[in-house]
Protein backbone atom coordinates (compact mmCIF):
# COMPACT_ATOMS: atom_id res chain seq x y z
CA MET A 1 -10.44 109.79 64.31
CA LEU A 2 -11.28 110.32 67.99
CA VAL A 3 -10.48 106.69 68.65
CA LYS A 4 -6.99 107.05 67.13
CA VAL A 5 -6.25 110.13 69.27
CA ARG A 6 -7.41 108.31 72.41
CA GLU A 7 -5.25 105.26 71.54
CA THR A 8 -2.21 107.49 70.92
CA LEU A 9 -2.69 109.26 74.26
CA ILE A 10 -3.03 105.96 76.09
CA ASN A 11 -0.02 104.38 74.34
CA HIS A 12 2.24 107.41 74.92
CA GLU A 13 0.85 108.59 78.27
CA TYR A 14 4.20 108.21 80.10
CA LYS A 15 6.16 110.15 77.45
CA ILE A 16 3.60 112.96 77.36
CA ILE A 17 3.62 113.35 81.15
CA LEU A 18 7.42 113.27 81.22
CA ALA A 19 7.70 115.94 78.49
CA ALA A 20 5.14 118.15 80.25
CA GLY A 21 7.09 117.77 83.51
CA PHE A 22 10.37 118.83 81.85
CA ILE A 23 8.70 121.86 80.28
CA LEU A 24 7.14 122.87 83.61
CA VAL A 25 10.50 122.56 85.45
CA ALA A 26 12.23 124.62 82.74
CA ILE A 27 9.62 127.41 82.98
CA LEU A 28 9.81 127.50 86.78
CA SER A 29 13.63 127.59 86.71
CA PHE A 30 13.65 130.43 84.21
CA GLU A 31 11.19 132.48 86.27
CA ALA A 32 13.15 131.87 89.49
CA GLY A 33 16.33 133.07 87.74
CA MET A 34 14.60 136.19 86.48
CA MET A 35 13.31 137.03 89.97
CA LYS A 36 16.77 136.47 91.50
CA GLY A 37 18.39 138.69 88.82
CA GLN A 38 15.97 141.54 89.52
CA ALA A 39 16.73 141.37 93.23
CA THR A 40 20.52 141.47 92.74
CA LYS A 41 22.24 144.84 92.25
CA GLN A 42 25.88 145.15 91.26
CA ASN A 43 28.14 148.08 92.03
CA GLN A 44 30.20 149.57 89.25
CA ILE A 45 33.97 149.79 89.61
CA VAL A 46 35.35 153.27 89.10
CA VAL A 47 39.10 153.47 88.45
CA ASN A 48 40.70 156.87 89.02
CA SER A 49 44.16 157.59 87.66
CA ASP A 50 45.44 161.16 87.66
CA ASN A 51 42.67 163.14 85.92
CA THR A 52 41.33 160.23 83.89
CA GLU A 53 38.22 158.49 85.21
CA THR A 54 37.28 155.03 84.02
CA VAL A 55 33.91 153.41 84.69
CA CYS A 56 33.65 149.63 84.44
CA GLY A 57 37.19 149.46 83.08
CA THR A 58 36.68 151.33 79.80
CA SER A 59 39.36 153.97 79.41
CA SER A 60 40.03 156.60 76.79
CA ASP A 61 43.78 156.29 77.45
CA GLN A 62 44.68 152.59 77.17
CA SER A 63 48.45 153.08 76.88
CA GLN A 64 48.80 154.74 80.29
CA LYS A 65 51.05 153.12 82.95
CA THR A 66 49.16 152.16 86.12
CA PRO A 67 51.37 152.39 89.22
CA ASN A 68 49.01 154.40 91.46
CA LEU A 69 45.45 153.44 90.54
CA THR A 70 42.62 153.41 93.04
CA PHE A 71 39.40 151.39 93.02
CA GLU A 72 36.17 152.66 94.50
CA ALA A 73 32.67 151.25 94.42
CA ALA A 74 30.20 153.58 92.76
CA LYS A 75 27.97 155.54 95.11
CA THR A 76 24.90 153.51 94.07
CA GLY A 77 25.19 150.82 96.74
CA ASP A 78 27.00 149.67 99.84
CA ASN A 79 30.80 149.79 99.83
CA GLN A 80 31.48 146.60 101.79
CA ASN A 81 33.39 145.01 98.89
CA THR A 82 35.58 147.98 98.01
CA PRO A 83 39.16 146.86 97.35
CA PRO A 84 41.98 148.84 98.99
CA SER A 85 43.29 152.01 97.37
CA LYS A 86 46.49 152.37 95.30
CA CYS A 87 45.84 149.28 93.25
CA ALA A 88 48.59 148.50 90.73
CA TYR A 89 47.43 144.94 90.00
CA VAL A 90 44.03 143.23 90.21
CA GLY A 91 43.26 139.60 90.93
CA SER A 92 40.10 137.58 91.42
CA LYS A 93 39.21 135.56 94.49
CA ASN A 94 38.12 132.82 92.06
CA SER A 95 41.43 132.63 90.18
CA ASN A 96 45.16 132.50 90.81
CA LYS A 97 46.08 135.12 88.15
CA TYR A 98 46.71 138.84 88.59
CA HIS A 99 46.31 141.48 85.88
CA LEU A 100 46.91 145.14 85.17
CA PRO A 101 43.70 147.10 85.86
CA THR A 102 43.55 148.10 82.17
CA CYS A 103 43.65 144.45 81.04
CA GLN A 104 40.52 143.03 79.42
CA TYR A 105 40.48 140.16 81.92
CA ALA A 106 40.68 142.51 84.91
CA LYS A 107 37.69 144.42 83.58
CA ARG A 108 35.61 141.23 83.70
CA ILE A 109 36.19 140.63 87.44
CA LYS A 110 33.08 141.32 89.50
CA PRO A 111 33.59 143.96 92.21
CA GLU A 112 32.78 141.51 94.98
CA ASN A 113 35.51 139.13 93.72
CA ALA A 114 38.20 141.76 93.04
CA THR A 115 41.45 141.60 95.04
CA CYS A 116 43.79 144.57 94.85
CA PHE A 117 47.60 144.37 95.04
CA LYS A 118 50.00 147.28 95.56
CA ASP A 119 52.82 145.58 93.64
CA GLU A 120 53.82 142.32 91.97
CA ASN A 121 55.59 141.04 95.08
CA GLU A 122 52.37 141.26 97.11
CA ALA A 123 50.45 139.35 94.45
CA LYS A 124 53.13 136.66 94.18
CA SER A 125 53.40 136.31 97.97
CA ARG A 126 49.66 135.61 98.12
CA GLY A 127 50.02 132.80 95.57
CA TYR A 128 48.92 134.64 92.43
CA LEU A 129 50.64 134.23 89.06
CA PRO A 130 51.00 136.94 86.38
CA ASP A 131 48.54 136.71 83.50
CA LYS A 132 50.57 136.17 80.34
CA GLY A 133 48.02 138.06 78.22
CA CYS A 134 48.44 141.29 80.24
CA ILE A 135 51.81 141.19 81.96
CA LYS A 136 54.93 140.45 79.98
């Protein structure tokens, strides 16, 4: 029995080492990602409209028009990435679409990537297109 195990290890030595290497790289990559995620903090987006406050884009009044909305970073971190106030439309730095702030796609934009527009003309002049799912 011991002879068969030894022969199998010798015959498949390259495959065993290769598999162990892949497993080791996967474990190290996972741990590095976990450490990076713990070090990264994200600010919440708070949208204020009249007397209604929305945190992270969830609103109790979804049917409300949004001409004079303002974005602010939550007080938990630095405000370097705070978009300008009076935001009627929101775009992403990683996309060429703009959305209403109440749109599900606008809610998914990370605060550091958010671009705020005062009106449709400003968004269009900067090369953004209206999102057909939000703006009709």
